[in-house]
Amino acid sequence: MPIYEYTCHKCHKKFEALIMGGDTPKCPVCGASSVKRLMSACGFVSKGAGGETASRSASASSCAGCSSSSCSSCGS
């Protein structure tokens, strides 16, 4: 049972829904059933040097402590 991301055509809110079979989600804010499934960023696991495992989301920045894409500001 995958969790999908949706956006509501009526109120334009984004939400996630656990979908079972052919169920059609409804917007939790306004109750509309006119929604569009969004393309989600996938997560991945990669093995670094020395066999270290690093889990990251495709939309994550370089540093977990800030929103900067360069970690020169925090030293990470």
C-alpha atoms as a PDB file:
ATOM      1  CA  MET A   1       0.000   0.000   0.000  1.00  0.00           C
ATOM      2  CA  PRO A   2       1.978   2.982  -1.223  1.00  0.00           C
ATOM      3  CA  ILE A   3       1.702   6.537   0.011  1.00  0.00           C
ATOM      4  CA  TYR A   4       1.185   8.998  -2.838  1.00  0.00           C
ATOM      5  CA  GLU A   5       1.378  12.793  -2.924  1.00  0.00           C
ATOM      6  CA  TYR A   6      -1.565  14.714  -4.368  1.00  0.00           C
ATOM      7  CA  THR A   7      -2.654  18.277  -5.013  1.00  0.00           C
ATOM      8  CA  CYS A   8      -6.287  19.359  -4.867  1.00  0.00           C
ATOM      9  CA  HIS A   9      -7.738  21.049  -7.980  1.00  0.00           C
ATOM     10  CA  LYS A  10     -10.257  22.992  -5.846  1.00  0.00           C
ATOM     11  CA  CYS A  11      -8.193  24.433  -2.950  1.00  0.00           C
ATOM     12  CA  HIS A  12      -4.657  23.721  -4.336  1.00  0.00           C
ATOM     13  CA  LYS A  13      -3.452  22.111  -1.090  1.00  0.00           C
ATOM     14  CA  LYS A  14      -0.834  19.341  -1.268  1.00  0.00           C
ATOM     15  CA  PHE A  15      -1.348  16.205   0.809  1.00  0.00           C
ATOM     16  CA  GLU A  16      -0.288  12.564   1.113  1.00  0.00           C
ATOM     17  CA  ALA A  17      -2.645   9.594   1.071  1.00  0.00           C
ATOM     18  CA  LEU A  18      -2.248   5.870   1.685  1.00  0.00           C
ATOM     19  CA  ILE A  19      -4.017   4.261  -1.278  1.00  0.00           C
ATOM     20  CA  MET A  20      -5.447   0.751  -1.178  1.00  0.00           C
ATOM     21  CA  GLY A  21      -6.313  -0.850  -4.519  1.00  0.00           C
ATOM     22  CA  GLY A  22      -8.259   1.426  -6.855  1.00  0.00           C
ATOM     23  CA  ASP A  23      -9.366   3.902  -4.161  1.00  0.00           C
ATOM     24  CA  THR A  24      -9.605   7.564  -5.124  1.00  0.00           C
ATOM     25  CA  PRO A  25      -8.394   9.990  -2.428  1.00  0.00           C
ATOM     26  CA  LYS A  26     -10.305  13.041  -1.243  1.00  0.00           C
ATOM     27  CA  CYS A  27      -8.714  16.308  -0.168  1.00  0.00           C
ATOM     28  CA  PRO A  28      -8.485  16.364   3.658  1.00  0.00           C
ATOM     29  CA  VAL A  29      -8.958  20.154   3.652  1.00  0.00           C
ATOM     30  CA  CYS A  30     -12.017  20.727   1.439  1.00  0.00           C
ATOM     31  CA  GLY A  31     -13.228  17.163   0.738  1.00  0.00           C
ATOM     32  CA  ALA A  32     -12.993  17.462  -3.057  1.00  0.00           C
ATOM     33  CA  SER A  33     -12.325  14.275  -5.007  1.00  0.00           C
ATOM     34  CA  SER A  34     -10.825  16.160  -7.961  1.00  0.00           C
ATOM     35  CA  VAL A  35      -7.134  15.637  -7.174  1.00  0.00           C
ATOM     36  CA  LYS A  36      -3.946  15.079  -9.173  1.00  0.00           C
ATOM     37  CA  ARG A  37      -1.203  12.653  -8.184  1.00  0.00           C
ATOM     38  CA  LEU A  38       2.223  14.323  -8.047  1.00  0.00           C
ATOM     39  CA  MET A  39       5.634  12.955  -8.941  1.00  0.00           C
ATOM     40  CA  SER A  40       7.360  12.245  -5.629  1.00  0.00           C
ATOM     41  CA  ALA A  41      11.048  12.598  -4.893  1.00  0.00           C
ATOM     42  CA  CYS A  42      12.446   9.143  -4.253  1.00  0.00           C
ATOM     43  CA  GLY A  43      14.859   8.241  -1.514  1.00  0.00           C
ATOM     44  CA  PHE A  44      17.972   6.194  -2.079  1.00  0.00           C
ATOM     45  CA  VAL A  45      20.776   4.530  -0.153  1.00  0.00           C
ATOM     46  CA  SER A  46      24.344   4.616  -1.381  1.00  0.00           C
ATOM     47  CA  LYS A  47      27.527   3.051  -0.046  1.00  0.00           C
ATOM     48  CA  GLY A  48      30.304   5.556   0.442  1.00  0.00           C
ATOM     49  CA  ALA A  49      34.026   5.026   0.879  1.00  0.00           C
ATOM     50  CA  GLY A  50      34.770   2.347   3.445  1.00  0.00           C
ATOM     51  CA  GLY A  51      31.277   0.829   3.222  1.00  0.00           C
ATOM     52  CA  GLU A  52      29.539   3.688   5.021  1.00  0.00           C
ATOM     53  CA  THR A  53      25.808   3.861   4.292  1.00  0.00           C
ATOM     54  CA  ALA A  54      24.242   7.253   3.649  1.00  0.00           C
ATOM     55  CA  SER A  55      20.474   7.637   3.213  1.00  0.00           C
ATOM     56  CA  ARG A  56      19.301  10.763   1.441  1.00  0.00           C
ATOM     57  CA  SER A  57      16.249  12.048  -0.284  1.00  0.00           C
ATOM     58  CA  ALA A  58      16.599  13.301  -3.844  1.00  0.00           C
ATOM     59  CA  SER A  59      15.294  16.693  -2.700  1.00  0.00           C
ATOM     60  CA  ALA A  60      17.586  16.984   0.347  1.00  0.00           C
ATOM     61  CA  SER A  61      20.235  19.664   0.505  1.00  0.00           C
ATOM     62  CA  SER A  62      23.917  18.881   1.035  1.00  0.00           C
ATOM     63  CA  CYS A  63      23.665  19.663   4.727  1.00  0.00           C
ATOM     64  CA  ALA A  64      21.036  18.293   7.097  1.00  0.00           C
ATOM     65  CA  GLY A  65      21.505  21.237   9.465  1.00  0.00           C
ATOM     66  CA  CYS A  66      20.610  24.055   7.077  1.00  0.00           C
ATOM     67  CA  SER A  67      18.958  24.811   3.753  1.00  0.00           C
ATOM     68  CA  SER A  68      22.200  25.763   2.036  1.00  0.00           C
ATOM     69  CA  SER A  69      23.431  23.625  -0.834  1.00  0.00           C
ATOM     70  CA  SER A  70      27.013  24.394   0.212  1.00  0.00           C
ATOM     71  CA  CYS A  71      28.149  23.320   3.672  1.00  0.00           C
ATOM     72  CA  SER A  72      30.948  25.865   3.928  1.00  0.00           C
ATOM     73  CA  SER A  73      28.786  27.894   6.333  1.00  0.00           C
ATOM     74  CA  CYS A  74      28.445  25.120   8.943  1.00  0.00           C
ATOM     75  CA  GLY A  75      31.573  23.066   8.310  1.00  0.00           C
ATOM     76  CA  SER A  76      29.776  19.793   7.541  1.00  0.00           C
END
